[in-house]
Amino acid sequence: MRGAALDVTETEPLPADDPLLNIPQLTVTPHMAWYSEESYGELKRRTVENAVDVAAGRTPRNIVNPEVLGAPGRNHGLTAEVAR
């Protein structure tokens, strides 16, 4: 048996009559499949580390789009060096 799972949909939450909800091989979660006590703790830890890095003038460690660091008016004093 094949199947799929979606944690993110274009419309959130999905309306109760959305056809996706009627597909037996599909599991749809309410954009929370990532959550566990461990992952939430990790998210908070990384957020604080990034805030401390920015406050100290360092490039954040977990930046998703480092290409914006070199864009005019976007680096706010940070270097274009990709984080560790």
PDB file of N, CA and C in Angstrom:
ATOM      1  N   MET A   1       0.841  -1.187   0.000  1.00  0.00           N
ATOM      2  CA  MET A   1       0.000   0.000   0.000  1.00  0.00           C
ATOM      3  C   MET A   1       0.881   1.243   0.000  1.00  0.00           C
ATOM      4  N   ARG A   2       0.543   2.193  -0.781  1.00  0.00           N
ATOM      5  CA  ARG A   2       1.254   3.466  -0.825  1.00  0.00           C
ATOM      6  C   ARG A   2       0.434   4.537  -0.124  1.00  0.00           C
ATOM      7  N   GLY A   3       1.139   5.568   0.304  1.00  0.00           N
ATOM      8  CA  GLY A   3       0.448   6.648   0.968  1.00  0.00           C
ATOM      9  C   GLY A   3       1.292   7.897   0.994  1.00  0.00           C
ATOM     10  N   ALA A   4       0.734   8.925   1.549  1.00  0.00           N
ATOM     11  CA  ALA A   4       1.426  10.207   1.662  1.00  0.00           C
ATOM     12  C   ALA A   4       0.934  10.912   2.917  1.00  0.00           C
ATOM     13  N   ALA A   5       1.719  11.881   3.337  1.00  0.00           N
ATOM     14  CA  ALA A   5       1.329  12.697   4.484  1.00  0.00           C
ATOM     15  C   ALA A   5       1.607  14.160   4.154  1.00  0.00           C
ATOM     16  N   LEU A   6       0.722  15.039   4.561  1.00  0.00           N
ATOM     17  CA  LEU A   6       0.878  16.483   4.386  1.00  0.00           C
ATOM     18  C   LEU A   6       0.811  17.162   5.743  1.00  0.00           C
ATOM     19  N   ASP A   7       1.779  18.017   6.001  1.00  0.00           N
ATOM     20  CA  ASP A   7       1.746  18.806   7.232  1.00  0.00           C
ATOM     21  C   ASP A   7       1.417  20.258   6.916  1.00  0.00           C
ATOM     22  N   VAL A   8       1.570  20.653   5.667  1.00  0.00           N
ATOM     23  CA  VAL A   8       1.325  22.023   5.234  1.00  0.00           C
ATOM     24  C   VAL A   8       0.408  21.977   4.021  1.00  0.00           C
ATOM     25  N   THR A   9      -0.620  22.777   4.036  1.00  0.00           N
ATOM     26  CA  THR A   9      -1.521  22.877   2.895  1.00  0.00           C
ATOM     27  C   THR A   9      -1.697  24.349   2.532  1.00  0.00           C
ATOM     28  N   GLU A  10      -2.147  24.596   1.324  1.00  0.00           N
ATOM     29  CA  GLU A  10      -2.292  25.979   0.868  1.00  0.00           C
ATOM     30  C   GLU A  10      -3.255  26.754   1.757  1.00  0.00           C
ATOM     31  N   THR A  11      -4.345  26.127   2.122  1.00  0.00           N
ATOM     32  CA  THR A  11      -5.316  26.736   3.025  1.00  0.00           C
ATOM     33  C   THR A  11      -5.221  26.011   4.357  1.00  0.00           C
ATOM     34  N   GLU A  12      -5.038  26.767   5.427  1.00  0.00           N
ATOM     35  CA  GLU A  12      -4.957  26.161   6.755  1.00  0.00           C
ATOM     36  C   GLU A  12      -5.876  26.905   7.710  1.00  0.00           C
ATOM     37  N   PRO A  13      -6.639  26.195   8.476  1.00  0.00           N
ATOM     38  CA  PRO A  13      -6.857  24.752   8.384  1.00  0.00           C
ATOM     39  C   PRO A  13      -7.691  24.423   7.152  1.00  0.00           C
ATOM     40  N   LEU A  14      -7.597  23.173   6.734  1.00  0.00           N
ATOM     41  CA  LEU A  14      -8.418  22.730   5.612  1.00  0.00           C
ATOM     42  C   LEU A  14      -9.886  22.751   6.026  1.00  0.00           C
ATOM     43  N   PRO A  15     -10.753  23.178   5.123  1.00  0.00           N
ATOM     44  CA  PRO A  15     -12.188  23.095   5.434  1.00  0.00           C
ATOM     45  C   PRO A  15     -12.599  21.632   5.596  1.00  0.00           C
ATOM     46  N   ALA A  16     -13.597  21.375   6.394  1.00  0.00           N
ATOM     47  CA  ALA A  16     -14.042  20.010   6.667  1.00  0.00           C
ATOM     48  C   ALA A  16     -14.473  19.269   5.407  1.00  0.00           C
ATOM     49  N   ASP A  17     -14.898  19.996   4.382  1.00  0.00           N
ATOM     50  CA  ASP A  17     -15.350  19.341   3.150  1.00  0.00           C
ATOM     51  C   ASP A  17     -14.262  19.275   2.078  1.00  0.00           C
ATOM     52  N   ASP A  18     -13.007  19.552   2.426  1.00  0.00           N
ATOM     53  CA  ASP A  18     -11.925  19.505   1.441  1.00  0.00           C
ATOM     54  C   ASP A  18     -11.747  18.078   0.931  1.00  0.00           C
ATOM     55  N   PRO A  19     -11.654  17.888  -0.382  1.00  0.00           N
ATOM     56  CA  PRO A  19     -11.512  16.545  -0.954  1.00  0.00           C
ATOM     57  C   PRO A  19     -10.267  15.799  -0.477  1.00  0.00           C
ATOM     58  N   LEU A  20      -9.220  16.506  -0.096  1.00  0.00           N
ATOM     59  CA  LEU A  20      -8.019  15.831   0.401  1.00  0.00           C
ATOM     60  C   LEU A  20      -8.323  14.958   1.620  1.00  0.00           C
ATOM     61  N   LEU A  21      -9.254  15.397   2.418  1.00  0.00           N
ATOM     62  CA  LEU A  21      -9.571  14.668   3.648  1.00  0.00           C
ATOM     63  C   LEU A  21     -10.290  13.350   3.393  1.00  0.00           C
ATOM     64  N   ASN A  22     -10.700  13.112   2.160  1.00  0.00           N
ATOM     65  CA  ASN A  22     -11.396  11.872   1.811  1.00  0.00           C
ATOM     66  C   ASN A  22     -10.500  10.846   1.134  1.00  0.00           C
ATOM     67  N   ILE A  23      -9.202  11.110   1.042  1.00  0.00           N
ATOM     68  CA  ILE A  23      -8.282  10.172   0.410  1.00  0.00           C
ATOM     69  C   ILE A  23      -7.764   9.223   1.486  1.00  0.00           C
ATOM     70  N   PRO A  24      -8.101   7.942   1.387  1.00  0.00           N
ATOM     71  CA  PRO A  24      -7.729   6.987   2.444  1.00  0.00           C
ATOM     72  C   PRO A  24      -6.219   6.847   2.658  1.00  0.00           C
ATOM     73  N   GLN A  25      -5.427   6.997   1.594  1.00  0.00           N
ATOM     74  CA  GLN A  25      -3.975   6.822   1.714  1.00  0.00           C
ATOM     75  C   GLN A  25      -3.253   8.101   2.137  1.00  0.00           C
ATOM     76  N   LEU A  26      -3.993   9.134   2.481  1.00  0.00           N
ATOM     77  CA  LEU A  26      -3.396  10.420   2.828  1.00  0.00           C
ATOM     78  C   LEU A  26      -3.641  10.749   4.293  1.00  0.00           C
ATOM     79  N   THR A  27      -2.563  11.127   4.965  1.00  0.00           N
ATOM     80  CA  THR A  27      -2.659  11.620   6.332  1.00  0.00           C
ATOM     81  C   THR A  27      -2.385  13.116   6.291  1.00  0.00           C
ATOM     82  N   VAL A  28      -3.277  13.902   6.856  1.00  0.00           N
ATOM     83  CA  VAL A  28      -3.118  15.353   6.907  1.00  0.00           C
ATOM     84  C   VAL A  28      -3.026  15.758   8.377  1.00  0.00           C
ATOM     85  N   THR A  29      -1.923  16.457   8.722  1.00  0.00           N
ATOM     86  CA  THR A  29      -1.755  16.927  10.092  1.00  0.00           C
ATOM     87  C   THR A  29      -1.949  18.445  10.123  1.00  0.00           C
ATOM     88  N   PRO A  30      -2.272  19.013  11.254  1.00  0.00           N
ATOM     89  CA  PRO A  30      -2.569  20.449  11.344  1.00  0.00           C
ATOM     90  C   PRO A  30      -1.319  21.323  11.485  1.00  0.00           C
ATOM     91  N   HIS A  31      -0.338  21.134  10.583  1.00  0.00           N
ATOM     92  CA  HIS A  31       0.890  21.930  10.563  1.00  0.00           C
ATOM     93  C   HIS A  31       1.638  21.832  11.896  1.00  0.00           C
ATOM     94  N   MET A  32       1.558  20.679  12.509  1.00  0.00           N
ATOM     95  CA  MET A  32       2.212  20.470  13.798  1.00  0.00           C
ATOM     96  C   MET A  32       2.944  19.137  13.863  1.00  0.00           C
ATOM     97  N   ALA A  33       3.188  18.492  12.731  1.00  0.00           N
ATOM     98  CA  ALA A  33       3.826  17.185  12.750  1.00  0.00           C
ATOM     99  C   ALA A  33       5.255  17.252  13.302  1.00  0.00           C
ATOM    100  N   TRP A  34       5.869  18.407  13.264  1.00  0.00           N
ATOM    101  CA  TRP A  34       7.229  18.576  13.769  1.00  0.00           C
ATOM    102  C   TRP A  34       7.296  18.534  15.288  1.00  0.00           C
ATOM    103  N   TYR A  35       6.181  18.762  15.949  1.00  0.00           N
ATOM    104  CA  TYR A  35       6.208  19.037  17.378  1.00  0.00           C
ATOM    105  C   TYR A  35       6.481  17.814  18.238  1.00  0.00           C
ATOM    106  N   SER A  36       7.412  17.992  19.155  1.00  0.00           N
ATOM    107  CA  SER A  36       7.641  17.095  20.284  1.00  0.00           C
ATOM    108  C   SER A  36       8.279  17.982  21.349  1.00  0.00           C
ATOM    109  N   GLU A  37       8.315  17.526  22.575  1.00  0.00           N
ATOM    110  CA  GLU A  37       8.967  18.323  23.625  1.00  0.00           C
ATOM    111  C   GLU A  37      10.430  18.577  23.260  1.00  0.00           C
ATOM    112  N   GLU A  38      11.090  17.571  22.692  1.00  0.00           N
ATOM    113  CA  GLU A  38      12.497  17.713  22.307  1.00  0.00           C
ATOM    114  C   GLU A  38      12.668  18.727  21.176  1.00  0.00           C
ATOM    115  N   SER A  39      11.833  18.650  20.148  1.00  0.00           N
ATOM    116  CA  SER A  39      11.975  19.589  19.028  1.00  0.00           C
ATOM    117  C   SER A  39      11.626  21.018  19.452  1.00  0.00           C
ATOM    118  N   TYR A  40      10.663  21.173  20.351  1.00  0.00           N
ATOM    119  CA  TYR A  40      10.302  22.510  20.822  1.00  0.00           C
ATOM    120  C   TYR A  40      11.442  23.118  21.638  1.00  0.00           C
ATOM    121  N   GLY A  41      12.085  22.299  22.462  1.00  0.00           N
ATOM    122  CA  GLY A  41      13.245  22.778  23.223  1.00  0.00           C
ATOM    123  C   GLY A  41      14.380  23.192  22.297  1.00  0.00           C
ATOM    124  N   GLU A  42      14.620  22.401  21.255  1.00  0.00           N
ATOM    125  CA  GLU A  42      15.656  22.719  20.269  1.00  0.00           C
ATOM    126  C   GLU A  42      15.331  24.020  19.542  1.00  0.00           C
ATOM    127  N   LEU A  43      14.079  24.222  19.181  1.00  0.00           N
ATOM    128  CA  LEU A  43      13.661  25.456  18.515  1.00  0.00           C
ATOM    129  C   LEU A  43      13.930  26.670  19.403  1.00  0.00           C
ATOM    130  N   LYS A  44      13.589  26.571  20.667  1.00  0.00           N
ATOM    131  CA  LYS A  44      13.834  27.686  21.590  1.00  0.00           C
ATOM    132  C   LYS A  44      15.331  27.938  21.764  1.00  0.00           C
ATOM    133  N   ARG A  45      16.123  26.866  21.880  1.00  0.00           N
ATOM    134  CA  ARG A  45      17.569  27.017  22.045  1.00  0.00           C
ATOM    135  C   ARG A  45      18.181  27.717  20.834  1.00  0.00           C
ATOM    136  N   ARG A  46      17.822  27.297  19.642  1.00  0.00           N
ATOM    137  CA  ARG A  46      18.378  27.909  18.427  1.00  0.00           C
ATOM    138  C   ARG A  46      17.948  29.362  18.275  1.00  0.00           C
ATOM    139  N   THR A  47      16.727  29.660  18.664  1.00  0.00           N
ATOM    140  CA  THR A  47      16.238  31.039  18.587  1.00  0.00           C
ATOM    141  C   THR A  47      17.077  31.951  19.476  1.00  0.00           C
ATOM    142  N   VAL A  48      17.339  31.509  20.699  1.00  0.00           N
ATOM    143  CA  VAL A  48      18.151  32.304  21.625  1.00  0.00           C
ATOM    144  C   VAL A  48      19.581  32.435  21.103  1.00  0.00           C
ATOM    145  N   GLU A  49      20.166  31.341  20.599  1.00  0.00           N
ATOM    146  CA  GLU A  49      21.526  31.410  20.045  1.00  0.00           C
ATOM    147  C   GLU A  49      21.595  32.417  18.903  1.00  0.00           C
ATOM    148  N   ASN A  50      20.609  32.399  18.025  1.00  0.00           N
ATOM    149  CA  ASN A  50      20.607  33.337  16.904  1.00  0.00           C
ATOM    150  C   ASN A  50      20.471  34.781  17.381  1.00  0.00           C
ATOM    151  N   ALA A  51      19.618  35.015  18.372  1.00  0.00           N
ATOM    152  CA  ALA A  51      19.456  36.370  18.906  1.00  0.00           C
ATOM    153  C   ALA A  51      20.760  36.852  19.546  1.00  0.00           C
ATOM    154  N   VAL A  52      21.440  35.993  20.279  1.00  0.00           N
ATOM    155  CA  VAL A  52      22.713  36.350  20.903  1.00  0.00           C
ATOM    156  C   VAL A  52      23.750  36.643  19.825  1.00  0.00           C
ATOM    157  N   ASP A  53      23.808  35.824  18.784  1.00  0.00           N
ATOM    158  CA  ASP A  53      24.749  36.068  17.687  1.00  0.00           C
ATOM    159  C   ASP A  53      24.509  37.429  17.039  1.00  0.00           C
ATOM    160  N   VAL A  54      23.266  37.744  16.730  1.00  0.00           N
ATOM    161  CA  VAL A  54      22.950  39.032  16.102  1.00  0.00           C
ATOM    162  C   VAL A  54      23.316  40.181  17.028  1.00  0.00           C
ATOM    163  N   ALA A  55      22.985  40.062  18.306  1.00  0.00           N
ATOM    164  CA  ALA A  55      23.309  41.120  19.273  1.00  0.00           C
ATOM    165  C   ALA A  55      24.813  41.335  19.382  1.00  0.00           C
ATOM    166  N   ALA A  56      25.592  40.264  19.162  1.00  0.00           N
ATOM    167  CA  ALA A  56      27.051  40.359  19.246  1.00  0.00           C
ATOM    168  C   ALA A  56      27.688  40.714  17.903  1.00  0.00           C
ATOM    169  N   GLY A  57      26.845  40.962  16.866  1.00  0.00           N
ATOM    170  CA  GLY A  57      27.369  41.336  15.557  1.00  0.00           C
ATOM    171  C   GLY A  57      27.850  40.157  14.727  1.00  0.00           C
ATOM    172  N   ARG A  58      27.475  38.941  15.138  1.00  0.00           N
ATOM    173  CA  ARG A  58      27.869  37.747  14.386  1.00  0.00           C
ATOM    174  C   ARG A  58      26.730  37.296  13.478  1.00  0.00           C
ATOM    175  N   THR A  59      27.094  36.550  12.448  1.00  0.00           N
ATOM    176  CA  THR A  59      26.100  35.968  11.562  1.00  0.00           C
ATOM    177  C   THR A  59      25.344  34.880  12.318  1.00  0.00           C
ATOM    178  N   PRO A  60      24.014  34.881  12.254  1.00  0.00           N
ATOM    179  CA  PRO A  60      23.254  33.828  12.927  1.00  0.00           C
ATOM    180  C   PRO A  60      23.658  32.446  12.416  1.00  0.00           C
ATOM    181  N   ARG A  61      23.659  31.464  13.295  1.00  0.00           N
ATOM    182  CA  ARG A  61      24.083  30.105  12.939  1.00  0.00           C
ATOM    183  C   ARG A  61      23.101  29.388  12.043  1.00  0.00           C
ATOM    184  N   ASN A  62      21.834  29.634  12.208  1.00  0.00           N
ATOM    185  CA  ASN A  62      20.814  28.868  11.514  1.00  0.00           C
ATOM    186  C   ASN A  62      20.048  29.704  10.496  1.00  0.00           C
ATOM    187  N   ILE A  63      20.764  30.518   9.741  1.00  0.00           N
ATOM    188  CA  ILE A  63      20.092  31.360   8.763  1.00  0.00           C
ATOM    189  C   ILE A  63      19.694  30.524   7.550  1.00  0.00           C
ATOM    190  N   VAL A  64      18.470  30.700   7.099  1.00  0.00           N
ATOM    191  CA  VAL A  64      17.939  29.907   5.994  1.00  0.00           C
ATOM    192  C   VAL A  64      18.346  30.487   4.651  1.00  0.00           C
ATOM    193  N   ASN A  65      18.433  31.801   4.546  1.00  0.00           N
ATOM    194  CA  ASN A  65      18.737  32.447   3.280  1.00  0.00           C
ATOM    195  C   ASN A  65      19.953  33.371   3.405  1.00  0.00           C
ATOM    196  N   PRO A  66      21.150  32.801   3.532  1.00  0.00           N
ATOM    197  CA  PRO A  66      22.349  33.612   3.742  1.00  0.00           C
ATOM    198  C   PRO A  66      22.653  34.573   2.601  1.00  0.00           C
ATOM    199  N   GLU A  67      22.086  34.343   1.418  1.00  0.00           N
ATOM    200  CA  GLU A  67      22.343  35.238   0.292  1.00  0.00           C
ATOM    201  C   GLU A  67      21.854  36.660   0.550  1.00  0.00           C
ATOM    202  N   VAL A  68      20.913  36.853   1.452  1.00  0.00           N
ATOM    203  CA  VAL A  68      20.423  38.201   1.724  1.00  0.00           C
ATOM    204  C   VAL A  68      21.399  39.017   2.565  1.00  0.00           C
ATOM    205  N   LEU A  69      22.363  38.360   3.195  1.00  0.00           N
ATOM    206  CA  LEU A  69      23.299  39.096   4.054  1.00  0.00           C
ATOM    207  C   LEU A  69      24.106  40.118   3.272  1.00  0.00           C
ATOM    208  N   GLY A  70      24.422  39.835   2.016  1.00  0.00           N
ATOM    209  CA  GLY A  70      25.201  40.764   1.223  1.00  0.00           C
ATOM    210  C   GLY A  70      24.365  41.762   0.446  1.00  0.00           C
ATOM    211  N   ALA A  71      23.052  41.654   0.515  1.00  0.00           N
ATOM    212  CA  ALA A  71      22.173  42.556  -0.228  1.00  0.00           C
ATOM    213  C   ALA A  71      22.228  43.955   0.381  1.00  0.00           C
ATOM    214  N   PRO A  72      22.240  44.995  -0.460  1.00  0.00           N
ATOM    215  CA  PRO A  72      22.277  46.371   0.055  1.00  0.00           C
ATOM    216  C   PRO A  72      21.151  46.633   1.060  1.00  0.00           C
ATOM    217  N   GLY A  73      21.517  47.186   2.182  1.00  0.00           N
ATOM    218  CA  GLY A  73      20.538  47.532   3.205  1.00  0.00           C
ATOM    219  C   GLY A  73      19.982  46.348   3.979  1.00  0.00           C
ATOM    220  N   ARG A  74      20.561  45.159   3.775  1.00  0.00           N
ATOM    221  CA  ARG A  74      20.005  43.976   4.412  1.00  0.00           C
ATOM    222  C   ARG A  74      20.889  43.348   5.471  1.00  0.00           C
ATOM    223  N   ASN A  75      22.178  43.702   5.519  1.00  0.00           N
ATOM    224  CA  ASN A  75      23.048  42.948   6.412  1.00  0.00           C
ATOM    225  C   ASN A  75      23.105  43.494   7.831  1.00  0.00           C
ATOM    226  N   HIS A  76      22.635  44.689   8.052  1.00  0.00           N
ATOM    227  CA  HIS A  76      22.573  45.259   9.401  1.00  0.00           C
ATOM    228  C   HIS A  76      23.867  45.078  10.173  1.00  0.00           C
ATOM    229  N   GLY A  77      24.996  45.206   9.460  1.00  0.00           N
ATOM    230  CA  GLY A  77      26.286  45.105  10.125  1.00  0.00           C
ATOM    231  C   GLY A  77      26.839  43.709  10.198  1.00  0.00           C
ATOM    232  N   LEU A  78      26.090  42.724   9.757  1.00  0.00           N
ATOM    233  CA  LEU A  78      26.584  41.350   9.802  1.00  0.00           C
ATOM    234  C   LEU A  78      27.470  41.098   8.593  1.00  0.00           C
ATOM    235  N   THR A  79      28.344  40.156   8.710  1.00  0.00           N
ATOM    236  CA  THR A  79      29.210  39.801   7.594  1.00  0.00           C
ATOM    237  C   THR A  79      28.464  38.865   6.660  1.00  0.00           C
ATOM    238  N   ALA A  80      28.965  38.749   5.446  1.00  0.00           N
ATOM    239  CA  ALA A  80      28.350  37.852   4.463  1.00  0.00           C
ATOM    240  C   ALA A  80      28.845  36.427   4.643  1.00  0.00           C
ATOM    241  N   GLU A  81      29.696  36.210   5.638  1.00  0.00           N
ATOM    242  CA  GLU A  81      30.212  34.866   5.911  1.00  0.00           C
ATOM    243  C   GLU A  81      29.075  33.955   6.333  1.00  0.00           C
ATOM    244  N   VAL A  82      29.003  32.800   5.721  1.00  0.00           N
ATOM    245  CA  VAL A  82      27.956  31.848   6.066  1.00  0.00           C
ATOM    246  C   VAL A  82      28.236  31.307   7.454  1.00  0.00           C
ATOM    247  N   ALA A  83      27.176  31.163   8.213  1.00  0.00           N
ATOM    248  CA  ALA A  83      27.307  30.729   9.601  1.00  0.00           C
ATOM    249  C   ALA A  83      27.964  29.363   9.718  1.00  0.00           C
ATOM    250  N   ARG A  84      28.490  29.116  10.904  1.00  0.00           N
ATOM    251  CA  ARG A  84      29.172  27.850  11.198  1.00  0.00           C
ATOM    252  C   ARG A  84      28.339  26.648  10.870  1.00  0.00           C
TER     253      ARG A  84
END
